[in-house]
Amino acid sequence: MRTWTIVLLFFVGYVLQTSLFDRVALWGVRPDIVMILVCIVALRRGPREGAISGAIAGFFVDLSGGRLIGLGAMAKAAAGACVGWAGARVFGENALVTVGMVAVASVMEQVIYLFGAWAFGFPFPLQESVVRVALPSLWYDSAASVVVYPLFLLLERWIGNLSSSDRPGPIHG
């Protein structure tokens, strides 16, 4: 999948995350579609692409949210790099691997963000943050990845078919 397609997919994911999924928040948490997409890209393309896509997507989310700009980028980049690294060592095509990686990445991102916010002077009760934010995010992101991952694969296959039909075939003489 080309880079511009992935960027467009992140944008659409963010729009869905902040509009449609904002209405189906559970325990005050909505699924982080952008983080799920970072994990999928990292599993499909490796740690470098996972870190880059996480940093760019996280920075976009930070800018649109307007608070602690750069912290979300760092958290998503770290999670993307770790998922890409782990994905190179396990069979990343498996849906269960994706769900597990999304769960780990979700917790990692939340922990980095919470401690980063604490370092910038935003105090938070650790236990309450884990119980009310990190754990619900883990479960919600993992559950959402069960739907997002197959859709990503279908889109990837569809785009691959489109681009292969545009290429001229061999000339038979």
C-alpha atoms as a PDB file:
ATOM      1  CA  MET A   1       0.000   0.000   0.000  1.00  0.00           C
ATOM      2  CA  ARG A   2       1.349   3.390  -0.917  1.00  0.00           C
ATOM      3  CA  THR A   3       2.214   6.055   1.627  1.00  0.00           C
ATOM      4  CA  TRP A   4      -0.486   8.494   0.494  1.00  0.00           C
ATOM      5  CA  THR A   5      -3.088   5.760   0.929  1.00  0.00           C
ATOM      6  CA  ILE A   6      -1.919   5.088   4.480  1.00  0.00           C
ATOM      7  CA  VAL A   7      -2.006   8.804   5.307  1.00  0.00           C
ATOM      8  CA  LEU A   8      -5.551   9.015   3.946  1.00  0.00           C
ATOM      9  CA  LEU A   9      -6.493   5.921   5.944  1.00  0.00           C
ATOM     10  CA  PHE A  10      -5.139   7.503   9.148  1.00  0.00           C
ATOM     11  CA  PHE A  11      -7.145  10.644   8.446  1.00  0.00           C
ATOM     12  CA  VAL A  12     -10.352   8.662   7.845  1.00  0.00           C
ATOM     13  CA  GLY A  13      -9.634   6.600  10.965  1.00  0.00           C
ATOM     14  CA  TYR A  14      -9.242   9.754  13.031  1.00  0.00           C
ATOM     15  CA  VAL A  15     -12.465  11.234  11.664  1.00  0.00           C
ATOM     16  CA  LEU A  16     -14.341   8.018  12.504  1.00  0.00           C
ATOM     17  CA  GLN A  17     -12.697   7.879  15.919  1.00  0.00           C
ATOM     18  CA  THR A  18     -13.736  11.410  16.841  1.00  0.00           C
ATOM     19  CA  SER A  19     -17.200  11.382  15.279  1.00  0.00           C
ATOM     20  CA  LEU A  20     -18.835   7.969  15.001  1.00  0.00           C
ATOM     21  CA  PHE A  21     -16.981   6.221  17.820  1.00  0.00           C
ATOM     22  CA  ASP A  22     -17.323   9.227  20.094  1.00  0.00           C
ATOM     23  CA  ARG A  23     -20.985   8.242  20.376  1.00  0.00           C
ATOM     24  CA  VAL A  24     -20.203   4.661  21.416  1.00  0.00           C
ATOM     25  CA  ALA A  25     -17.738   5.403  24.190  1.00  0.00           C
ATOM     26  CA  LEU A  26     -17.662   2.811  26.952  1.00  0.00           C
ATOM     27  CA  TRP A  27     -16.566   3.861  30.439  1.00  0.00           C
ATOM     28  CA  GLY A  28     -15.709   7.239  28.927  1.00  0.00           C
ATOM     29  CA  VAL A  29     -13.235   5.644  26.489  1.00  0.00           C
ATOM     30  CA  ARG A  30     -13.558   5.282  22.729  1.00  0.00           C
ATOM     31  CA  PRO A  31     -11.478   2.974  20.549  1.00  0.00           C
ATOM     32  CA  ASP A  32      -8.241   4.498  19.303  1.00  0.00           C
ATOM     33  CA  ILE A  33      -8.588   3.694  15.598  1.00  0.00           C
ATOM     34  CA  VAL A  34      -5.397   5.617  14.839  1.00  0.00           C
ATOM     35  CA  MET A  35      -3.414   3.435  17.275  1.00  0.00           C
ATOM     36  CA  ILE A  36      -4.902   0.300  15.757  1.00  0.00           C
ATOM     37  CA  LEU A  37      -3.843   1.481  12.291  1.00  0.00           C
ATOM     38  CA  VAL A  38      -0.336   2.266  13.571  1.00  0.00           C
ATOM     39  CA  CYS A  39      -0.122  -1.308  14.873  1.00  0.00           C
ATOM     40  CA  ILE A  40      -1.314  -2.763  11.575  1.00  0.00           C
ATOM     41  CA  VAL A  41       1.179  -0.690   9.583  1.00  0.00           C
ATOM     42  CA  ALA A  42       3.947  -1.685  12.003  1.00  0.00           C
ATOM     43  CA  LEU A  43       3.084  -5.371  11.688  1.00  0.00           C
ATOM     44  CA  ARG A  44       2.952  -5.166   7.893  1.00  0.00           C
ATOM     45  CA  ARG A  45       5.983  -2.894   7.335  1.00  0.00           C
ATOM     46  CA  GLY A  46       8.274  -3.251  10.355  1.00  0.00           C
ATOM     47  CA  PRO A  47       9.559  -1.149  13.245  1.00  0.00           C
ATOM     48  CA  ARG A  48      10.864   1.793  11.224  1.00  0.00           C
ATOM     49  CA  GLU A  49       7.573   2.349   9.395  1.00  0.00           C
ATOM     50  CA  GLY A  50       5.679   1.686  12.631  1.00  0.00           C
ATOM     51  CA  ALA A  51       7.634   4.387  14.446  1.00  0.00           C
ATOM     52  CA  ILE A  52       7.325   6.879  11.594  1.00  0.00           C
ATOM     53  CA  SER A  53       3.608   6.292  11.106  1.00  0.00           C
ATOM     54  CA  GLY A  54       3.064   6.448  14.874  1.00  0.00           C
ATOM     55  CA  ALA A  55       4.958   9.724  15.163  1.00  0.00           C
ATOM     56  CA  ILE A  56       3.143  11.374  12.259  1.00  0.00           C
ATOM     57  CA  ALA A  57      -0.303  10.096  13.241  1.00  0.00           C
ATOM     58  CA  GLY A  58       0.294  10.913  16.912  1.00  0.00           C
ATOM     59  CA  PHE A  59       1.459  14.421  16.069  1.00  0.00           C
ATOM     60  CA  PHE A  60      -1.680  14.974  13.973  1.00  0.00           C
ATOM     61  CA  VAL A  61      -3.874  13.766  16.843  1.00  0.00           C
ATOM     62  CA  ASP A  62      -1.935  15.994  19.270  1.00  0.00           C
ATOM     63  CA  LEU A  63      -2.366  19.036  17.052  1.00  0.00           C
ATOM     64  CA  SER A  64      -6.069  18.462  16.581  1.00  0.00           C
ATOM     65  CA  GLY A  65      -6.541  17.902  20.335  1.00  0.00           C
ATOM     66  CA  GLY A  66      -4.424  20.898  21.265  1.00  0.00           C
ATOM     67  CA  ARG A  67      -2.858  19.574  24.468  1.00  0.00           C
ATOM     68  CA  LEU A  68       0.579  18.189  25.273  1.00  0.00           C
ATOM     69  CA  ILE A  69       1.636  18.426  21.644  1.00  0.00           C
ATOM     70  CA  GLY A  70       4.300  15.872  20.874  1.00  0.00           C
ATOM     71  CA  LEU A  71       3.584  13.524  23.768  1.00  0.00           C
ATOM     72  CA  GLY A  72       1.027  11.481  21.842  1.00  0.00           C
ATOM     73  CA  ALA A  73       3.408  11.383  18.883  1.00  0.00           C
ATOM     74  CA  MET A  74       6.148  10.004  21.094  1.00  0.00           C
ATOM     75  CA  ALA A  75       3.805   7.447  22.681  1.00  0.00           C
ATOM     76  CA  LYS A  76       2.409   6.227  19.354  1.00  0.00           C
ATOM     77  CA  ALA A  77       5.897   6.150  17.782  1.00  0.00           C
ATOM     78  CA  ALA A  78       7.258   4.020  20.630  1.00  0.00           C
ATOM     79  CA  ALA A  79       4.288   1.673  20.438  1.00  0.00           C
ATOM     80  CA  GLY A  80       4.578   1.435  16.636  1.00  0.00           C
ATOM     81  CA  ALA A  81       8.285   0.667  16.810  1.00  0.00           C
ATOM     82  CA  CYS A  82       7.787  -2.036  19.444  1.00  0.00           C
ATOM     83  CA  VAL A  83       4.916  -3.654  17.541  1.00  0.00           C
ATOM     84  CA  GLY A  84       6.961  -3.582  14.335  1.00  0.00           C
ATOM     85  CA  TRP A  85       9.926  -5.131  16.110  1.00  0.00           C
ATOM     86  CA  ALA A  86       7.782  -7.871  17.653  1.00  0.00           C
ATOM     87  CA  GLY A  87       5.904  -8.392  14.400  1.00  0.00           C
ATOM     88  CA  ALA A  88       9.160  -9.187  12.623  1.00  0.00           C
ATOM     89  CA  ARG A  89       9.646 -12.058  15.074  1.00  0.00           C
ATOM     90  CA  VAL A  90       6.117 -13.525  15.054  1.00  0.00           C
ATOM     91  CA  PHE A  91       3.627 -14.308  12.330  1.00  0.00           C
ATOM     92  CA  GLY A  92       2.033 -10.876  11.924  1.00  0.00           C
ATOM     93  CA  GLU A  93      -0.548 -12.029   9.387  1.00  0.00           C
ATOM     94  CA  ASN A  94      -2.536 -13.786  12.098  1.00  0.00           C
ATOM     95  CA  ALA A  95      -5.533 -11.842  13.418  1.00  0.00           C
ATOM     96  CA  LEU A  96      -4.894 -13.030  16.984  1.00  0.00           C
ATOM     97  CA  VAL A  97      -1.348 -11.680  16.835  1.00  0.00           C
ATOM     98  CA  THR A  98      -2.764  -8.339  15.723  1.00  0.00           C
ATOM     99  CA  VAL A  99      -5.244  -8.296  18.616  1.00  0.00           C
ATOM    100  CA  GLY A 100      -2.472  -9.119  21.090  1.00  0.00           C
ATOM    101  CA  MET A 101      -0.126  -6.512  19.647  1.00  0.00           C
ATOM    102  CA  VAL A 102      -2.867  -3.874  19.751  1.00  0.00           C
ATOM    103  CA  ALA A 103      -3.486  -4.725  23.419  1.00  0.00           C
ATOM    104  CA  VAL A 104       0.209  -4.381  24.278  1.00  0.00           C
ATOM    105  CA  ALA A 105       0.566  -1.202  22.216  1.00  0.00           C
ATOM    106  CA  SER A 106      -2.522   0.332  23.799  1.00  0.00           C
ATOM    107  CA  VAL A 107      -1.162  -0.201  27.308  1.00  0.00           C
ATOM    108  CA  MET A 108       2.292   1.020  26.275  1.00  0.00           C
ATOM    109  CA  GLU A 109       0.877   4.163  24.698  1.00  0.00           C
ATOM    110  CA  GLN A 110      -1.307   4.898  27.729  1.00  0.00           C
ATOM    111  CA  VAL A 111       1.561   4.401  30.191  1.00  0.00           C
ATOM    112  CA  ILE A 112       3.925   6.630  28.193  1.00  0.00           C
ATOM    113  CA  TYR A 113       1.254   9.303  27.870  1.00  0.00           C
ATOM    114  CA  LEU A 114       0.262   9.176  31.547  1.00  0.00           C
ATOM    115  CA  PHE A 115       3.837   9.405  32.796  1.00  0.00           C
ATOM    116  CA  GLY A 116       4.614  12.099  30.232  1.00  0.00           C
ATOM    117  CA  ALA A 117       1.651  14.125  31.441  1.00  0.00           C
ATOM    118  CA  TRP A 118       2.833  13.605  35.019  1.00  0.00           C
ATOM    119  CA  ALA A 119       6.329  14.819  34.036  1.00  0.00           C
ATOM    120  CA  PHE A 120       4.800  17.980  32.577  1.00  0.00           C
ATOM    121  CA  GLY A 121       3.024  18.719  35.839  1.00  0.00           C
ATOM    122  CA  PHE A 122      -0.387  17.171  35.253  1.00  0.00           C
ATOM    123  CA  PRO A 123      -0.909  15.103  38.383  1.00  0.00           C
ATOM    124  CA  PHE A 124      -3.092  12.054  38.144  1.00  0.00           C
ATOM    125  CA  PRO A 125      -4.044   9.265  40.496  1.00  0.00           C
ATOM    126  CA  LEU A 126      -2.123   6.283  39.086  1.00  0.00           C
ATOM    127  CA  GLN A 127      -4.515   3.540  40.138  1.00  0.00           C
ATOM    128  CA  GLU A 128      -7.570   5.404  38.896  1.00  0.00           C
ATOM    129  CA  SER A 129      -5.874   6.200  35.583  1.00  0.00           C
ATOM    130  CA  VAL A 130      -4.991   2.556  35.019  1.00  0.00           C
ATOM    131  CA  VAL A 131      -8.469   1.316  35.972  1.00  0.00           C
ATOM    132  CA  ARG A 132     -10.490   4.055  34.240  1.00  0.00           C
ATOM    133  CA  VAL A 133      -8.355   4.715  31.150  1.00  0.00           C
ATOM    134  CA  ALA A 134      -5.620   2.169  30.400  1.00  0.00           C
ATOM    135  CA  LEU A 135      -7.569  -1.052  30.966  1.00  0.00           C
ATOM    136  CA  PRO A 136     -10.759   0.036  29.165  1.00  0.00           C
ATOM    137  CA  SER A 137      -8.579   1.287  26.286  1.00  0.00           C
ATOM    138  CA  LEU A 138      -6.810  -2.061  26.129  1.00  0.00           C
ATOM    139  CA  TRP A 139     -10.083  -3.984  25.863  1.00  0.00           C
ATOM    140  CA  TYR A 140     -11.832  -1.546  23.543  1.00  0.00           C
ATOM    141  CA  ASP A 141      -8.860  -1.178  21.177  1.00  0.00           C
ATOM    142  CA  SER A 142      -8.368  -4.945  21.080  1.00  0.00           C
ATOM    143  CA  ALA A 143     -12.038  -5.549  20.316  1.00  0.00           C
ATOM    144  CA  ALA A 144     -12.072  -2.858  17.628  1.00  0.00           C
ATOM    145  CA  SER A 145      -8.964  -4.345  16.008  1.00  0.00           C
ATOM    146  CA  VAL A 146     -10.940  -7.527  15.324  1.00  0.00           C
ATOM    147  CA  VAL A 147     -13.026  -5.447  12.901  1.00  0.00           C
ATOM    148  CA  VAL A 148     -10.416  -2.950  11.678  1.00  0.00           C
ATOM    149  CA  TYR A 149      -7.721  -5.496  10.739  1.00  0.00           C
ATOM    150  CA  PRO A 150      -9.824  -7.499   8.232  1.00  0.00           C
ATOM    151  CA  LEU A 151     -11.128  -4.242   6.737  1.00  0.00           C
ATOM    152  CA  PHE A 152      -7.531  -3.060   6.322  1.00  0.00           C
ATOM    153  CA  LEU A 153      -6.599  -6.314   4.576  1.00  0.00           C
ATOM    154  CA  LEU A 154      -9.600  -6.034   2.243  1.00  0.00           C
ATOM    155  CA  LEU A 155      -8.707  -2.443   1.426  1.00  0.00           C
ATOM    156  CA  GLU A 156      -5.081  -3.409   0.838  1.00  0.00           C
ATOM    157  CA  ARG A 157      -6.129  -6.218  -1.506  1.00  0.00           C
ATOM    158  CA  TRP A 158      -8.608  -3.966  -3.329  1.00  0.00           C
ATOM    159  CA  ILE A 159      -6.000  -1.220  -3.822  1.00  0.00           C
ATOM    160  CA  GLY A 160      -3.484  -3.841  -4.976  1.00  0.00           C
ATOM    161  CA  ASN A 161      -5.947  -5.099  -7.567  1.00  0.00           C
ATOM    162  CA  LEU A 162      -6.638  -1.566  -8.746  1.00  0.00           C
ATOM    163  CA  SER A 163      -2.971  -0.725  -9.139  1.00  0.00           C
ATOM    164  CA  SER A 164      -2.176  -4.031 -10.871  1.00  0.00           C
ATOM    165  CA  SER A 165      -4.968  -3.502 -13.398  1.00  0.00           C
ATOM    166  CA  ASP A 166      -3.483  -0.096 -14.258  1.00  0.00           C
ATOM    167  CA  ARG A 167      -0.145  -1.598 -15.209  1.00  0.00           C
ATOM    168  CA  PRO A 168       0.258  -2.772 -18.763  1.00  0.00           C
ATOM    169  CA  GLY A 169       0.734  -6.498 -19.086  1.00  0.00           C
ATOM    170  CA  PRO A 170       3.272  -8.303 -21.198  1.00  0.00           C
ATOM    171  CA  ILE A 171       3.074  -7.864 -24.938  1.00  0.00           C
ATOM    172  CA  HIS A 172       2.410 -11.109 -26.712  1.00  0.00           C
ATOM    173  CA  GLY A 173       3.508 -11.184 -30.255  1.00  0.00           C
END
